[in-house]
Amino acid sequence: MGEKGMLGANVVYGQMAGDVFNLMYDTPIEQMLHLYHVTHGLTEQGLDTVLPVLDLAETKREKAVALGFVAHNNVNGADVYAHGNPYNDPERYVIAKALQLSEVLASRLALLGGGIADDMLLEVSHVFVEFAADLLIRQYDRAIGARMIVAAISRNRGFPNLLVKAYAENFADSFGFTHDEAASIIIAEEAKFRRLAIRYGMIMQYSNRKAQTELAGLLAEIAPRLMEGYGLDVPSAMLLPIIQFGIGEAFELCKDDLLPEVENTIEAIKAIDWHNR
């Protein structure tokens, strides 16, 4: 995409913020899934629910953060190369690795006398693969944590309002909220995501071992509340050893072939003219 300075930082934040609603653990799971689908193009409308964020942007910085946001989508953006479309394509990198990892995790859970449904196990494995990928990318680019922090701090102040303009009306209609109630949820989730991005960036600046330990701890902190949304009650202390094991195994699965996949995805995204589609 080529933007530099503050514009480049806003593109980076937008790319991260494609997942702004992924951690809505204080709301019913249906609300999180609704916002995930419309922000990733996973409805019948496809990109028509993603591109309004870019179309509504007015200033240069708004357009930069919106550009990063739409480039994350699961139709022709970065996520389609990771997950496929339809979603969970076993030929796509993250899903292929998650399927391999889920077999390892199933065996580990069986030894511990536990187990979870196959679809949930795949989702958990998916998360472990993406966390491990971040740790691997950090080894190739040690400045990535600092860039994440700068991106989050520099995020254009108009971005939350872009999300409100693009999604609040439909969100309100879908769940019986007023427009103001829907807007408040969207704004609060973006603020929470921004804080998390800063914390994540700080973790990415640690040494290899500490970064992996802190990342596992962060996921263990978040995971119980997320699992409650799926009807599972698992305390953080029980999750931490599994998370540490899962991220470690995912790291080993990805360490030899992740970088070419990332480079190919970057080149594919750069080739798209998002402003003249």
C-alpha atoms as a PDB file:
ATOM      1  CA  MET A   1       0.000   0.000   0.000  1.00  0.00           C
ATOM      2  CA  GLY A   2       3.026   2.213   0.426  1.00  0.00           C
ATOM      3  CA  GLU A   3       1.792   4.862   2.876  1.00  0.00           C
ATOM      4  CA  LYS A   4       4.433   6.328   5.215  1.00  0.00           C
ATOM      5  CA  GLY A   5       4.490   8.132   8.552  1.00  0.00           C
ATOM      6  CA  MET A   6       1.141   8.769  10.224  1.00  0.00           C
ATOM      7  CA  LEU A   7      -0.749   7.564   7.177  1.00  0.00           C
ATOM      8  CA  GLY A   8       1.199   4.315   7.221  1.00  0.00           C
ATOM      9  CA  ALA A   9       0.566   3.915  10.953  1.00  0.00           C
ATOM     10  CA  ASN A  10      -3.149   4.323  10.335  1.00  0.00           C
ATOM     11  CA  VAL A  11      -3.098   1.685   7.601  1.00  0.00           C
ATOM     12  CA  VAL A  12      -1.425  -0.708  10.056  1.00  0.00           C
ATOM     13  CA  TYR A  13      -4.034  -0.006  12.719  1.00  0.00           C
ATOM     14  CA  GLY A  14      -6.821  -0.543  10.215  1.00  0.00           C
ATOM     15  CA  GLN A  15      -5.313  -3.871   9.189  1.00  0.00           C
ATOM     16  CA  MET A  16      -5.309  -4.984  12.825  1.00  0.00           C
ATOM     17  CA  ALA A  17      -8.756  -3.528  13.468  1.00  0.00           C
ATOM     18  CA  GLY A  18     -10.385  -5.769  10.906  1.00  0.00           C
ATOM     19  CA  ASP A  19     -10.714  -8.000  13.981  1.00  0.00           C
ATOM     20  CA  VAL A  20     -12.053  -5.206  16.199  1.00  0.00           C
ATOM     21  CA  PHE A  21     -15.154  -7.180  17.208  1.00  0.00           C
ATOM     22  CA  ASN A  22     -13.510 -10.578  17.715  1.00  0.00           C
ATOM     23  CA  LEU A  23     -13.296 -10.256  21.503  1.00  0.00           C
ATOM     24  CA  MET A  24     -16.828  -9.209  22.415  1.00  0.00           C
ATOM     25  CA  TYR A  25     -16.827 -11.442  25.471  1.00  0.00           C
ATOM     26  CA  ASP A  26     -19.177  -9.160  27.433  1.00  0.00           C
ATOM     27  CA  THR A  27     -22.038  -9.563  24.946  1.00  0.00           C
ATOM     28  CA  PRO A  28     -24.018 -12.543  23.582  1.00  0.00           C
ATOM     29  CA  ILE A  29     -22.013 -14.581  21.069  1.00  0.00           C
ATOM     30  CA  GLU A  30     -24.621 -13.863  18.366  1.00  0.00           C
ATOM     31  CA  GLN A  31     -23.753 -10.173  18.449  1.00  0.00           C
ATOM     32  CA  MET A  32     -20.049 -10.863  18.041  1.00  0.00           C
ATOM     33  CA  LEU A  33     -20.691 -13.253  15.142  1.00  0.00           C
ATOM     34  CA  HIS A  34     -22.978 -10.720  13.433  1.00  0.00           C
ATOM     35  CA  LEU A  35     -20.325  -7.985  13.526  1.00  0.00           C
ATOM     36  CA  TYR A  36     -17.561 -10.417  12.585  1.00  0.00           C
ATOM     37  CA  HIS A  37     -19.472 -11.535   9.501  1.00  0.00           C
ATOM     38  CA  VAL A  38     -20.347  -8.070   8.226  1.00  0.00           C
ATOM     39  CA  THR A  39     -16.849  -6.680   8.803  1.00  0.00           C
ATOM     40  CA  HIS A  40     -15.222  -9.621   7.019  1.00  0.00           C
ATOM     41  CA  GLY A  41     -17.636  -9.944   4.090  1.00  0.00           C
ATOM     42  CA  LEU A  42     -19.002 -13.298   5.240  1.00  0.00           C
ATOM     43  CA  THR A  43     -22.658 -12.558   4.481  1.00  0.00           C
ATOM     44  CA  GLU A  44     -24.580 -12.878   1.212  1.00  0.00           C
ATOM     45  CA  GLN A  45     -23.735  -9.220   0.543  1.00  0.00           C
ATOM     46  CA  GLY A  46     -20.006  -9.976   0.514  1.00  0.00           C
ATOM     47  CA  LEU A  47     -17.860  -6.846   0.224  1.00  0.00           C
ATOM     48  CA  ASP A  48     -20.941  -4.614   0.267  1.00  0.00           C
ATOM     49  CA  THR A  49     -20.829  -4.758   4.075  1.00  0.00           C
ATOM     50  CA  VAL A  50     -17.076  -4.074   4.234  1.00  0.00           C
ATOM     51  CA  LEU A  51     -16.369  -1.332   1.706  1.00  0.00           C
ATOM     52  CA  PRO A  52     -18.684   1.334   3.195  1.00  0.00           C
ATOM     53  CA  VAL A  53     -16.013   2.008   5.829  1.00  0.00           C
ATOM     54  CA  LEU A  54     -13.689   3.173   3.038  1.00  0.00           C
ATOM     55  CA  ASP A  55     -16.445   4.925   1.088  1.00  0.00           C
ATOM     56  CA  LEU A  56     -17.465   6.957   4.146  1.00  0.00           C
ATOM     57  CA  ALA A  57     -13.913   8.102   4.958  1.00  0.00           C
ATOM     58  CA  GLU A  58     -13.210  11.771   4.176  1.00  0.00           C
ATOM     59  CA  THR A  59      -9.819  12.906   5.477  1.00  0.00           C
ATOM     60  CA  LYS A  60      -6.478  11.395   4.445  1.00  0.00           C
ATOM     61  CA  ARG A  61      -6.033   9.712   7.808  1.00  0.00           C
ATOM     62  CA  GLU A  62      -9.585   8.368   7.801  1.00  0.00           C
ATOM     63  CA  LYS A  63      -8.974   6.948   4.345  1.00  0.00           C
ATOM     64  CA  ALA A  64      -5.688   5.390   5.492  1.00  0.00           C
ATOM     65  CA  VAL A  65      -7.185   3.581   8.486  1.00  0.00           C
ATOM     66  CA  ALA A  66     -10.216   2.566   6.418  1.00  0.00           C
ATOM     67  CA  LEU A  67      -7.953   1.230   3.671  1.00  0.00           C
ATOM     68  CA  GLY A  68      -6.189  -1.035   6.137  1.00  0.00           C
ATOM     69  CA  PHE A  69      -9.540  -2.139   7.551  1.00  0.00           C
ATOM     70  CA  VAL A  70     -11.087  -3.205   4.244  1.00  0.00           C
ATOM     71  CA  ALA A  71      -7.871  -4.921   3.113  1.00  0.00           C
ATOM     72  CA  HIS A  72      -8.303  -7.346   6.024  1.00  0.00           C
ATOM     73  CA  ASN A  73     -11.572  -8.825   4.660  1.00  0.00           C
ATOM     74  CA  ASN A  74     -12.313 -12.507   3.979  1.00  0.00           C
ATOM     75  CA  VAL A  75     -13.459 -12.101   0.361  1.00  0.00           C
ATOM     76  CA  ASN A  76     -10.377 -10.790  -1.449  1.00  0.00           C
ATOM     77  CA  GLY A  77      -8.357  -9.415   1.473  1.00  0.00           C
ATOM     78  CA  ALA A  78      -5.700 -10.833   3.768  1.00  0.00           C
ATOM     79  CA  ASP A  79      -8.029 -13.165   5.625  1.00  0.00           C
ATOM     80  CA  VAL A  80      -9.073 -15.094   2.529  1.00  0.00           C
ATOM     81  CA  TYR A  81      -5.460 -16.224   2.083  1.00  0.00           C
ATOM     82  CA  ALA A  82      -5.436 -17.436   5.682  1.00  0.00           C
ATOM     83  CA  HIS A  83      -8.928 -18.942   5.996  1.00  0.00           C
ATOM     84  CA  GLY A  84     -10.372 -19.342   2.508  1.00  0.00           C
ATOM     85  CA  ASN A  85     -13.791 -18.482   1.160  1.00  0.00           C
ATOM     86  CA  PRO A  86     -15.929 -20.393   2.018  1.00  0.00           C
ATOM     87  CA  TYR A  87     -14.459 -20.121   5.486  1.00  0.00           C
ATOM     88  CA  ASN A  88     -12.321 -22.941   6.942  1.00  0.00           C
ATOM     89  CA  ASP A  89     -10.918 -24.022   3.574  1.00  0.00           C
ATOM     90  CA  PRO A  90      -8.462 -26.846   4.393  1.00  0.00           C
ATOM     91  CA  GLU A  91      -6.255 -25.725   1.514  1.00  0.00           C
ATOM     92  CA  ARG A  92      -5.585 -22.309   3.075  1.00  0.00           C
ATOM     93  CA  TYR A  93      -2.556 -21.858   5.288  1.00  0.00           C
ATOM     94  CA  VAL A  94      -4.010 -21.117   8.720  1.00  0.00           C
ATOM     95  CA  ILE A  95      -6.788 -23.691   8.416  1.00  0.00           C
ATOM     96  CA  ALA A  96      -4.415 -26.374   7.110  1.00  0.00           C
ATOM     97  CA  LYS A  97      -2.102 -25.802  10.075  1.00  0.00           C
ATOM     98  CA  ALA A  98      -5.055 -25.640  12.502  1.00  0.00           C
ATOM     99  CA  LEU A  99      -6.301 -29.015  11.266  1.00  0.00           C
ATOM    100  CA  GLN A 100      -2.869 -30.533  11.890  1.00  0.00           C
ATOM    101  CA  LEU A 101      -2.685 -28.928  15.306  1.00  0.00           C
ATOM    102  CA  SER A 102      -6.189 -30.045  16.291  1.00  0.00           C
ATOM    103  CA  GLU A 103      -5.099 -33.682  15.978  1.00  0.00           C
ATOM    104  CA  VAL A 104      -2.185 -33.045  18.332  1.00  0.00           C
ATOM    105  CA  LEU A 105      -4.390 -31.161  20.787  1.00  0.00           C
ATOM    106  CA  ALA A 106      -7.072 -33.859  20.751  1.00  0.00           C
ATOM    107  CA  SER A 107      -4.473 -36.431  21.783  1.00  0.00           C
ATOM    108  CA  ARG A 108      -3.144 -34.124  24.500  1.00  0.00           C
ATOM    109  CA  LEU A 109      -6.615 -33.451  25.884  1.00  0.00           C
ATOM    110  CA  ALA A 110      -7.402 -37.170  25.882  1.00  0.00           C
ATOM    111  CA  LEU A 111      -4.303 -37.830  28.006  1.00  0.00           C
ATOM    112  CA  LEU A 112      -5.551 -35.187  30.448  1.00  0.00           C
ATOM    113  CA  GLY A 113      -8.978 -36.764  30.557  1.00  0.00           C
ATOM    114  CA  GLY A 114     -10.698 -33.943  28.688  1.00  0.00           C
ATOM    115  CA  GLY A 115     -11.996 -33.047  25.265  1.00  0.00           C
ATOM    116  CA  ILE A 116     -14.107 -30.548  23.326  1.00  0.00           C
ATOM    117  CA  ALA A 117     -16.247 -30.683  20.213  1.00  0.00           C
ATOM    118  CA  ASP A 118     -14.392 -30.894  16.889  1.00  0.00           C
ATOM    119  CA  ASP A 119     -15.601 -27.496  15.640  1.00  0.00           C
ATOM    120  CA  MET A 120     -14.525 -25.786  18.855  1.00  0.00           C
ATOM    121  CA  LEU A 121     -11.194 -27.626  18.786  1.00  0.00           C
ATOM    122  CA  LEU A 122     -10.572 -26.343  15.258  1.00  0.00           C
ATOM    123  CA  GLU A 123     -11.383 -22.787  16.360  1.00  0.00           C
ATOM    124  CA  VAL A 124      -9.010 -23.056  19.322  1.00  0.00           C
ATOM    125  CA  SER A 125      -6.282 -24.496  17.074  1.00  0.00           C
ATOM    126  CA  HIS A 126      -6.895 -21.651  14.622  1.00  0.00           C
ATOM    127  CA  VAL A 127      -6.244 -19.105  17.389  1.00  0.00           C
ATOM    128  CA  PHE A 128      -3.050 -20.882  18.468  1.00  0.00           C
ATOM    129  CA  VAL A 129      -1.758 -20.885  14.885  1.00  0.00           C
ATOM    130  CA  GLU A 130      -2.371 -17.157  14.491  1.00  0.00           C
ATOM    131  CA  PHE A 131      -0.641 -16.359  17.801  1.00  0.00           C
ATOM    132  CA  ALA A 132       2.321 -18.545  16.816  1.00  0.00           C
ATOM    133  CA  ALA A 133       2.454 -16.811  13.425  1.00  0.00           C
ATOM    134  CA  ASP A 134       2.728 -13.442  15.167  1.00  0.00           C
ATOM    135  CA  LEU A 135       5.629 -14.732  17.250  1.00  0.00           C
ATOM    136  CA  LEU A 136       7.386 -16.019  14.127  1.00  0.00           C
ATOM    137  CA  ILE A 137       6.854 -12.793  12.192  1.00  0.00           C
ATOM    138  CA  ARG A 138       8.282 -10.936  15.184  1.00  0.00           C
ATOM    139  CA  GLN A 139      11.516 -12.939  14.813  1.00  0.00           C
ATOM    140  CA  TYR A 140      11.889 -11.651  11.245  1.00  0.00           C
ATOM    141  CA  ASP A 141      10.829  -8.110  12.127  1.00  0.00           C
ATOM    142  CA  ARG A 142      11.769  -7.134  15.674  1.00  0.00           C
ATOM    143  CA  ALA A 143      10.257  -3.654  15.234  1.00  0.00           C
ATOM    144  CA  ILE A 144       6.748  -5.027  14.731  1.00  0.00           C
ATOM    145  CA  GLY A 145       5.751  -4.502  18.370  1.00  0.00           C
ATOM    146  CA  ALA A 146       6.792  -0.864  18.323  1.00  0.00           C
ATOM    147  CA  ARG A 147       4.871  -0.337  15.075  1.00  0.00           C
ATOM    148  CA  MET A 148       1.759  -1.859  16.599  1.00  0.00           C
ATOM    149  CA  ILE A 149       1.967   0.508  19.555  1.00  0.00           C
ATOM    150  CA  VAL A 150       2.552   3.555  17.347  1.00  0.00           C
ATOM    151  CA  ALA A 151      -0.307   2.492  15.072  1.00  0.00           C
ATOM    152  CA  ALA A 152      -2.737   2.161  17.980  1.00  0.00           C
ATOM    153  CA  ILE A 153      -1.684   5.436  19.593  1.00  0.00           C
ATOM    154  CA  SER A 154      -1.826   7.278  16.240  1.00  0.00           C
ATOM    155  CA  ARG A 155      -5.200   5.836  15.195  1.00  0.00           C
ATOM    156  CA  ASN A 156      -7.311   8.546  13.599  1.00  0.00           C
ATOM    157  CA  ARG A 157      -9.921   9.760  16.056  1.00  0.00           C
ATOM    158  CA  GLY A 158     -12.619   9.526  13.397  1.00  0.00           C
ATOM    159  CA  PHE A 159     -12.279   5.760  12.980  1.00  0.00           C
ATOM    160  CA  PRO A 160     -14.808   4.719  15.662  1.00  0.00           C
ATOM    161  CA  ASN A 161     -17.384   7.000  14.064  1.00  0.00           C
ATOM    162  CA  LEU A 162     -16.716   5.396  10.668  1.00  0.00           C
ATOM    163  CA  LEU A 163     -17.570   2.040  12.225  1.00  0.00           C
ATOM    164  CA  VAL A 164     -20.739   3.522  13.709  1.00  0.00           C
ATOM    165  CA  LYS A 165     -21.797   4.970  10.353  1.00  0.00           C
ATOM    166  CA  ALA A 166     -21.119   1.690   8.584  1.00  0.00           C
ATOM    167  CA  TYR A 167     -22.588  -0.783  11.090  1.00  0.00           C
ATOM    168  CA  ALA A 168     -24.732   0.740  13.843  1.00  0.00           C
ATOM    169  CA  GLU A 169     -28.027   0.891  11.952  1.00  0.00           C
ATOM    170  CA  ASN A 170     -27.975  -2.743  10.837  1.00  0.00           C
ATOM    171  CA  PHE A 171     -26.644  -3.887  14.216  1.00  0.00           C
ATOM    172  CA  ALA A 172     -29.458  -2.045  15.992  1.00  0.00           C
ATOM    173  CA  ASP A 173     -32.113  -3.482  13.683  1.00  0.00           C
ATOM    174  CA  SER A 174     -30.762  -7.011  14.045  1.00  0.00           C
ATOM    175  CA  PHE A 175     -30.823  -7.048  17.854  1.00  0.00           C
ATOM    176  CA  GLY A 176     -33.520  -4.556  18.829  1.00  0.00           C
ATOM    177  CA  PHE A 177     -31.203  -1.792  20.010  1.00  0.00           C
ATOM    178  CA  THR A 178     -31.655   1.913  19.560  1.00  0.00           C
ATOM    179  CA  HIS A 179     -29.108   3.511  17.250  1.00  0.00           C
ATOM    180  CA  ASP A 180     -27.386   5.133  20.232  1.00  0.00           C
ATOM    181  CA  GLU A 181     -27.151   1.795  22.061  1.00  0.00           C
ATOM    182  CA  ALA A 182     -25.619   0.124  19.022  1.00  0.00           C
ATOM    183  CA  ALA A 183     -23.196   3.005  18.568  1.00  0.00           C
ATOM    184  CA  SER A 184     -22.122   2.810  22.213  1.00  0.00           C
ATOM    185  CA  ILE A 185     -21.329  -0.899  21.889  1.00  0.00           C
ATOM    186  CA  ILE A 186     -19.320  -0.342  18.706  1.00  0.00           C
ATOM    187  CA  ILE A 187     -17.343   2.546  20.190  1.00  0.00           C
ATOM    188  CA  ALA A 188     -16.638   0.644  23.409  1.00  0.00           C
ATOM    189  CA  GLU A 189     -15.416  -2.422  21.518  1.00  0.00           C
ATOM    190  CA  GLU A 190     -13.075  -0.344  19.367  1.00  0.00           C
ATOM    191  CA  ALA A 191     -11.641   1.314  22.487  1.00  0.00           C
ATOM    192  CA  LYS A 192     -11.109  -2.104  24.090  1.00  0.00           C
ATOM    193  CA  PHE A 193      -9.438  -3.403  20.939  1.00  0.00           C
ATOM    194  CA  ARG A 194      -7.145  -0.379  20.782  1.00  0.00           C
ATOM    195  CA  ARG A 195      -5.972  -0.955  24.368  1.00  0.00           C
ATOM    196  CA  LEU A 196      -5.376  -4.614  23.572  1.00  0.00           C
ATOM    197  CA  ALA A 197      -3.348  -3.690  20.469  1.00  0.00           C
ATOM    198  CA  ILE A 198      -1.035  -1.564  22.622  1.00  0.00           C
ATOM    199  CA  ARG A 199      -0.632  -4.389  25.134  1.00  0.00           C
ATOM    200  CA  TYR A 200      -0.014  -6.877  22.332  1.00  0.00           C
ATOM    201  CA  GLY A 201       2.616  -4.592  20.834  1.00  0.00           C
ATOM    202  CA  MET A 202       4.379  -4.394  24.191  1.00  0.00           C
ATOM    203  CA  ILE A 203       4.461  -8.202  24.404  1.00  0.00           C
ATOM    204  CA  MET A 204       5.963  -8.376  20.909  1.00  0.00           C
ATOM    205  CA  GLN A 205       8.952  -6.349  22.159  1.00  0.00           C
ATOM    206  CA  TYR A 206       9.970  -8.911  24.793  1.00  0.00           C
ATOM    207  CA  SER A 207      12.574 -11.649  24.354  1.00  0.00           C
ATOM    208  CA  ASN A 208      11.463 -14.770  22.496  1.00  0.00           C
ATOM    209  CA  ARG A 209      10.694 -16.843  25.584  1.00  0.00           C
ATOM    210  CA  LYS A 210       9.040 -14.023  27.525  1.00  0.00           C
ATOM    211  CA  ALA A 211       6.931 -12.976  24.529  1.00  0.00           C
ATOM    212  CA  GLN A 212       5.608 -16.523  24.149  1.00  0.00           C
ATOM    213  CA  THR A 213       4.906 -16.786  27.881  1.00  0.00           C
ATOM    214  CA  GLU A 214       3.141 -13.420  28.032  1.00  0.00           C
ATOM    215  CA  LEU A 215       1.115 -14.168  24.924  1.00  0.00           C
ATOM    216  CA  ALA A 216      -0.083 -17.444  26.421  1.00  0.00           C
ATOM    217  CA  GLY A 217      -0.974 -15.594  29.612  1.00  0.00           C
ATOM    218  CA  LEU A 218      -2.951 -12.986  27.693  1.00  0.00           C
ATOM    219  CA  LEU A 219      -4.932 -15.667  25.877  1.00  0.00           C
ATOM    220  CA  ALA A 220      -5.557 -17.551  29.139  1.00  0.00           C
ATOM    221  CA  GLU A 221      -6.908 -14.321  30.608  1.00  0.00           C
ATOM    222  CA  ILE A 222      -9.293 -13.738  27.711  1.00  0.00           C
ATOM    223  CA  ALA A 223     -10.279 -17.304  26.850  1.00  0.00           C
ATOM    224  CA  PRO A 224     -12.577 -18.187  29.791  1.00  0.00           C
ATOM    225  CA  ARG A 225     -14.918 -15.310  28.983  1.00  0.00           C
ATOM    226  CA  LEU A 226     -14.921 -16.211  25.310  1.00  0.00           C
ATOM    227  CA  MET A 227     -15.627 -19.854  26.079  1.00  0.00           C
ATOM    228  CA  GLU A 228     -18.571 -18.851  28.256  1.00  0.00           C
ATOM    229  CA  GLY A 229     -20.146 -17.537  25.067  1.00  0.00           C
ATOM    230  CA  TYR A 230     -19.969 -21.065  23.661  1.00  0.00           C
ATOM    231  CA  GLY A 231     -21.454 -22.525  26.852  1.00  0.00           C
ATOM    232  CA  LEU A 232     -18.136 -23.811  28.220  1.00  0.00           C
ATOM    233  CA  ASP A 233     -16.893 -23.068  31.721  1.00  0.00           C
ATOM    234  CA  VAL A 234     -13.125 -23.479  31.949  1.00  0.00           C
ATOM    235  CA  PRO A 235     -11.045 -21.561  34.530  1.00  0.00           C
ATOM    236  CA  SER A 236      -7.936 -19.727  33.373  1.00  0.00           C
ATOM    237  CA  ALA A 237      -5.591 -21.855  35.510  1.00  0.00           C
ATOM    238  CA  MET A 238      -6.697 -25.010  33.688  1.00  0.00           C
ATOM    239  CA  LEU A 239      -6.375 -23.381  30.293  1.00  0.00           C
ATOM    240  CA  LEU A 240      -2.859 -21.978  30.632  1.00  0.00           C
ATOM    241  CA  PRO A 241      -0.918 -25.275  30.250  1.00  0.00           C
ATOM    242  CA  ILE A 242      -2.964 -26.219  27.190  1.00  0.00           C
ATOM    243  CA  ILE A 243      -2.480 -22.764  25.668  1.00  0.00           C
ATOM    244  CA  GLN A 244       1.270 -22.870  26.261  1.00  0.00           C
ATOM    245  CA  PHE A 245       1.453 -26.316  24.692  1.00  0.00           C
ATOM    246  CA  GLY A 246      -0.787 -25.341  21.764  1.00  0.00           C
ATOM    247  CA  ILE A 247       1.138 -22.195  20.852  1.00  0.00           C
ATOM    248  CA  GLY A 248       4.421 -24.087  21.126  1.00  0.00           C
ATOM    249  CA  GLU A 249       3.201 -26.856  18.823  1.00  0.00           C
ATOM    250  CA  ALA A 250       1.763 -24.338  16.363  1.00  0.00           C
ATOM    251  CA  PHE A 251       5.120 -22.538  16.323  1.00  0.00           C
ATOM    252  CA  GLU A 252       6.843 -25.757  15.287  1.00  0.00           C
ATOM    253  CA  LEU A 253       4.249 -26.436  12.578  1.00  0.00           C
ATOM    254  CA  CYS A 254       4.657 -22.981  11.022  1.00  0.00           C
ATOM    255  CA  LYS A 255       8.315 -22.113  11.492  1.00  0.00           C
ATOM    256  CA  ASP A 256       9.577 -23.494   8.162  1.00  0.00           C
ATOM    257  CA  ASP A 257       6.983 -22.201   5.710  1.00  0.00           C
ATOM    258  CA  LEU A 258       5.185 -19.179   7.197  1.00  0.00           C
ATOM    259  CA  LEU A 259       7.317 -16.390   5.747  1.00  0.00           C
ATOM    260  CA  PRO A 260       6.733 -17.174   2.027  1.00  0.00           C
ATOM    261  CA  GLU A 261       2.998 -17.359   2.741  1.00  0.00           C
ATOM    262  CA  VAL A 262       3.056 -13.936   4.403  1.00  0.00           C
ATOM    263  CA  GLU A 263       5.080 -12.411   1.568  1.00  0.00           C
ATOM    264  CA  ASN A 264       2.714 -13.800  -1.073  1.00  0.00           C
ATOM    265  CA  THR A 265      -0.299 -12.432   0.795  1.00  0.00           C
ATOM    266  CA  ILE A 266       1.271  -8.977   1.091  1.00  0.00           C
ATOM    267  CA  GLU A 267       1.985  -8.859  -2.639  1.00  0.00           C
ATOM    268  CA  ALA A 268      -1.558  -9.955  -3.491  1.00  0.00           C
ATOM    269  CA  ILE A 269      -3.088  -7.252  -1.282  1.00  0.00           C
ATOM    270  CA  LYS A 270      -0.797  -4.560  -2.682  1.00  0.00           C
ATOM    271  CA  ALA A 271      -1.931  -5.455  -6.216  1.00  0.00           C
ATOM    272  CA  ILE A 272      -5.550  -4.488  -5.477  1.00  0.00           C
ATOM    273  CA  ASP A 273      -6.656  -0.936  -6.282  1.00  0.00           C
ATOM    274  CA  TRP A 274      -9.074  -0.497  -3.404  1.00  0.00           C
ATOM    275  CA  HIS A 275     -10.074   3.009  -4.431  1.00  0.00           C
ATOM    276  CA  ASN A 276     -11.015   2.026  -8.016  1.00  0.00           C
ATOM    277  CA  ARG A 277     -12.540  -1.430  -7.634  1.00  0.00           C
END
